[in-house]
Amino acid sequence: MNLPAPANAVPTGAMDFATMVMLGLALAMDAFAVSVACGLRFDRRRHGGALRIASAFGGFQAAMPIVGWMAGLTLRNLILGFDHWVAFGLLAFLGARMIHEALQAHRRGESMPLPDATRLLVLALATSVDALAVGLTLSLLGAAILLPAAVIGVVTFAVSYLGVVLGYEFEALLQGRAKRDVQILGGIVLIVLGARILLEHLGLT
């Protein structure tokens, strides 16, 4: 069943597919880092474990933008005149927070055990909170959500699966700094996307 579109909504095509993929990659960076950390702790090749982790992360990343989008329906008319500034602020804040958390975690030298079912659900929820805010942002901009949410979920699934495999295969190379770097990259991408939205709405691109 299709979700209702907000008044004056722009079609999904207003966000080009490349932008959806970039957004999905940016949001998947936390999930990728956690997946790498899990892969580093596998004592043997476990594609079943990789599928379980990727499915949890991808599923939550697909669902949370829809939840945020639906919540945004009640707010859109209140901030219609400056919605592009709100979108920029949200994405810039999420990106800056992702960079800050990556640097802090790296300094503390945090590690992560292999997740059981409960821990995996908590991790999937925690790594998809940013996707909730992005869904809210898309709603405020009047964009459709089903295709972007599906792309975000598929991208996260693929990236998470790859992260577990890479973590297992390249344990010596991927410890420590790699987790920090991918999270920083994701933060930068979110900030760039926010700036792009702002410039487009101001007619500067």
Protein backbone atom coordinates (compact mmCIF):
# COMPACT_ATOMS: atom_id res chain seq x y z
CA MET A 1 0.00 0.00 0.00
CA ASN A 2 1.41 3.38 -0.98
CA LEU A 3 1.93 6.02 1.67
CA PRO A 4 0.03 9.30 1.24
CA ALA A 5 2.07 12.13 -0.26
CA PRO A 6 2.09 15.52 1.46
CA ALA A 7 0.38 18.46 -0.16
CA ASN A 8 2.33 19.89 -3.10
CA ALA A 9 4.70 16.93 -2.94
CA VAL A 10 7.36 16.62 -5.57
CA PRO A 11 7.59 13.23 -7.32
CA THR A 12 10.26 10.76 -6.29
CA GLY A 13 12.09 11.59 -9.49
CA ALA A 14 12.86 15.05 -8.05
CA MET A 15 15.67 13.28 -6.21
CA ASP A 16 17.82 11.62 -8.83
CA PHE A 17 18.93 8.03 -8.35
CA ALA A 18 22.59 8.98 -7.89
CA THR A 19 21.63 11.24 -4.99
CA MET A 20 19.63 8.43 -3.40
CA VAL A 21 22.64 6.14 -3.62
CA MET A 22 24.93 8.81 -2.16
CA LEU A 23 22.48 9.34 0.68
CA GLY A 24 22.28 5.60 1.25
CA LEU A 25 26.07 5.32 1.35
CA ALA A 26 26.36 8.19 3.81
CA LEU A 27 23.75 6.70 6.12
CA ALA A 28 25.32 3.25 5.83
CA MET A 29 28.72 4.34 7.16
CA ASP A 30 27.85 3.67 10.81
CA ALA A 31 26.43 0.28 9.87
CA PHE A 32 29.53 -0.45 7.78
CA ALA A 33 31.85 0.42 10.66
CA VAL A 34 29.89 -1.81 13.07
CA SER A 35 29.83 -4.60 10.48
CA VAL A 36 33.60 -4.40 10.04
CA ALA A 37 34.01 -4.57 13.82
CA CYS A 38 31.83 -7.69 13.91
CA GLY A 39 33.73 -9.27 11.03
CA LEU A 40 37.01 -8.69 12.82
CA ARG A 41 35.75 -10.93 15.60
CA PHE A 42 34.55 -13.86 13.52
CA ASP A 43 36.83 -16.84 14.16
CA ARG A 44 35.94 -18.38 10.78
CA ARG A 45 34.15 -17.36 7.57
CA ARG A 46 30.45 -16.94 8.41
CA HIS A 47 28.30 -15.80 5.51
CA GLY A 48 25.21 -16.68 7.52
CA GLY A 49 26.29 -14.22 10.21
CA ALA A 50 27.03 -11.60 7.57
CA LEU A 51 23.54 -12.03 6.09
CA ARG A 52 21.95 -11.72 9.54
CA ILE A 53 23.82 -8.52 10.35
CA ALA A 54 23.24 -7.01 6.89
CA SER A 55 19.53 -7.85 6.96
CA ALA A 56 19.04 -6.22 10.36
CA PHE A 57 20.90 -3.05 9.40
CA GLY A 58 19.32 -2.82 5.93
CA GLY A 59 15.82 -3.45 7.24
CA PHE A 60 16.02 -0.76 9.91
CA GLN A 61 17.63 1.72 7.52
CA ALA A 62 14.74 1.22 5.07
CA ALA A 63 12.01 1.48 7.70
CA MET A 64 13.25 4.46 9.70
CA PRO A 65 13.10 7.05 6.86
CA ILE A 66 9.44 6.10 6.33
CA VAL A 67 8.71 6.65 10.02
CA GLY A 68 10.46 10.02 9.91
CA TRP A 69 8.69 10.97 6.67
CA MET A 70 5.27 10.26 8.15
CA ALA A 71 6.11 12.30 11.24
CA GLY A 72 7.14 15.17 8.99
CA LEU A 73 3.67 15.38 7.43
CA THR A 74 2.43 17.22 10.52
CA LEU A 75 5.34 19.68 10.51
CA ARG A 76 5.74 20.54 6.85
CA ASN A 77 3.11 23.28 6.62
CA LEU A 78 4.51 24.98 9.73
CA ILE A 79 7.97 25.55 8.24
CA LEU A 80 7.26 25.61 4.52
CA GLY A 81 9.01 28.96 3.99
CA PHE A 82 12.35 27.85 5.39
CA ASP A 83 12.25 24.08 4.95
CA HIS A 84 15.50 24.06 2.95
CA TRP A 85 17.34 25.64 5.88
CA VAL A 86 15.87 23.01 8.21
CA ALA A 87 16.98 20.27 5.80
CA PHE A 88 20.49 21.71 5.64
CA GLY A 89 20.63 22.09 9.42
CA LEU A 90 19.52 18.52 10.06
CA LEU A 91 21.93 16.95 7.59
CA ALA A 92 24.83 19.17 8.67
CA PHE A 93 24.15 18.34 12.32
CA LEU A 94 23.97 14.61 11.60
CA GLY A 95 27.18 14.76 9.58
CA ALA A 96 29.06 16.76 12.22
CA ARG A 97 27.84 14.41 14.95
CA MET A 98 28.96 11.38 12.96
CA ILE A 99 32.45 12.88 12.55
CA HIS A 100 32.64 13.84 16.24
CA GLU A 101 31.53 10.40 17.45
CA ALA A 102 34.02 8.69 15.13
CA LEU A 103 36.90 10.75 16.53
CA GLN A 104 35.79 10.24 20.14
CA ALA A 105 35.35 6.48 19.77
CA HIS A 106 38.75 6.20 18.11
CA ARG A 107 40.43 8.07 20.98
CA ARG A 108 38.75 5.80 23.54
CA GLY A 109 39.83 2.70 21.62
CA GLU A 110 36.35 1.17 21.86
CA SER A 111 35.78 -2.38 20.72
CA MET A 112 32.61 -4.39 20.14
CA PRO A 113 31.75 -8.03 20.84
CA LEU A 114 29.89 -10.21 18.37
CA PRO A 115 26.19 -9.29 18.67
CA ASP A 116 23.52 -11.70 19.87
CA ALA A 117 19.95 -11.19 18.62
CA THR A 118 19.09 -8.53 21.20
CA ARG A 119 22.33 -6.61 20.76
CA LEU A 120 21.98 -6.78 16.99
CA LEU A 121 18.51 -5.18 17.13
CA VAL A 122 19.84 -2.45 19.41
CA LEU A 123 22.76 -1.81 17.06
CA ALA A 124 20.46 -1.76 14.03
CA LEU A 125 18.20 0.77 15.75
CA ALA A 126 21.11 2.90 16.91
CA THR A 127 22.74 3.02 13.48
CA SER A 128 19.44 3.94 11.79
CA VAL A 129 18.49 6.95 13.91
CA ASP A 130 20.08 9.25 11.34
CA ALA A 131 17.85 7.68 8.68
CA LEU A 132 14.83 8.71 10.75
CA ALA A 133 15.96 12.32 10.60
CA VAL A 134 16.62 12.05 6.87
CA GLY A 135 13.07 10.77 6.35
CA LEU A 136 11.80 13.80 8.25
CA THR A 137 13.95 16.02 6.03
CA LEU A 138 12.56 14.48 2.83
CA SER A 139 9.04 14.97 4.11
CA LEU A 140 9.69 18.64 4.83
CA LEU A 141 11.03 19.03 1.30
CA GLY A 142 7.89 17.42 -0.15
CA ALA A 143 9.74 14.46 -1.64
CA ALA A 144 8.26 10.99 -1.96
CA ILE A 145 9.80 8.35 0.29
CA LEU A 146 9.25 4.75 -0.85
CA LEU A 147 11.96 4.60 -3.51
CA PRO A 148 14.59 6.51 -1.47
CA ALA A 149 13.86 4.30 1.55
CA ALA A 150 14.21 1.16 -0.57
CA VAL A 151 17.50 2.39 -2.05
CA ILE A 152 18.82 3.28 1.41
CA GLY A 153 17.90 -0.18 2.71
CA VAL A 154 19.47 -2.04 -0.21
CA VAL A 155 22.64 0.04 -0.10
CA THR A 156 22.96 -0.50 3.65
CA PHE A 157 22.42 -4.24 3.26
CA ALA A 158 25.16 -4.48 0.62
CA VAL A 159 27.57 -2.24 2.50
CA SER A 160 27.00 -4.07 5.79
CA TYR A 161 27.53 -7.48 4.22
CA LEU A 162 30.71 -6.22 2.59
CA GLY A 163 31.84 -4.78 5.93
CA VAL A 164 31.55 -8.13 7.71
CA VAL A 165 33.42 -9.92 4.91
CA LEU A 166 36.16 -7.26 4.82
CA GLY A 167 36.48 -7.33 8.57
CA TYR A 168 37.06 -11.07 8.50
CA GLU A 169 39.34 -11.13 5.46
CA PHE A 170 41.50 -8.14 6.32
CA GLU A 171 41.57 -8.16 10.10
CA ALA A 172 45.11 -6.82 10.38
CA LEU A 173 44.47 -3.94 7.97
CA LEU A 174 41.03 -2.79 9.10
CA GLN A 175 41.40 -2.49 12.86
CA GLY A 176 41.25 0.91 14.51
CA ARG A 177 41.66 3.66 11.98
CA ALA A 178 39.36 2.22 9.28
CA LYS A 179 36.31 2.46 11.55
CA ARG A 180 37.07 6.11 12.20
CA ASP A 181 37.71 6.90 8.54
CA VAL A 182 34.48 5.43 7.15
CA GLN A 183 32.39 7.25 9.77
CA ILE A 184 34.15 10.53 8.98
CA LEU A 185 33.52 9.97 5.27
CA GLY A 186 29.84 9.38 5.94
CA GLY A 187 29.64 12.59 7.97
CA ILE A 188 31.26 14.60 5.17
CA VAL A 189 28.83 13.18 2.60
CA LEU A 190 25.82 14.15 4.73
CA ILE A 191 27.11 17.70 5.12
CA VAL A 192 27.73 17.97 1.36
CA LEU A 193 24.22 16.70 0.58
CA GLY A 194 22.73 19.23 3.00
CA ALA A 195 24.69 22.04 1.34
CA ARG A 196 23.54 20.86 -2.08
CA ILE A 197 19.88 20.98 -1.03
CA LEU A 198 20.30 24.47 0.40
CA LEU A 199 22.07 25.81 -2.72
CA GLU A 200 19.47 24.29 -5.03
CA HIS A 201 16.59 25.88 -3.14
CA LEU A 202 18.37 29.23 -3.08
CA GLY A 203 18.85 28.98 -6.84
CA LEU A 204 22.64 29.01 -6.62
CA THR A 205 23.23 25.76 -8.54
